[in-house]
Amino acid sequence: MYKSKKYSLLSYHITQFTPLYPGTPEIEIKNVKDIEKGDSSYLFLLTIPNHAGTHVDAPRHFSASGRPISSYSIEELIFSSPLVLDCHKPPDTPITPEDLKQKEFIPCDLLLLRTGFGLY
């Protein structure tokens, strides 16, 4: 994971091998133009489901009356005091309130749960 004093890269690289939630359509990367085939440039068509890699689920993802992700400004997604808690879980195992009772919380404006699911 890339780290600097101010920013940390949290996402997986998006490739055709990026882990996806079961049932999610696959990522497709199609070469449309190719210099080696006489085209003037390289051009790729990317088909990426919105749940590929690390992403933000807005309230609308779980509720028809929830706020959609498209309504958030970039400023609302920049945080000054994030907290990352390790809460390793095996696949298909929900995080429960009991899991979080054992954690030490400090004041934060963003809570991220690192589940370790990327290992699977």
Foldseek 3Di string as FASTA:
>chain_A
DDDDPQDDDDKDDDDQPFDFDPPDDTWDKAWDDDVVVPDPDTDIDIDDPQRTIDHDDFPCNPPVPTDHPVVDDVVVVDWDFEDEDEQADEPPDDDDVVSCVVDDDDDTPHYHYHHVHSVD
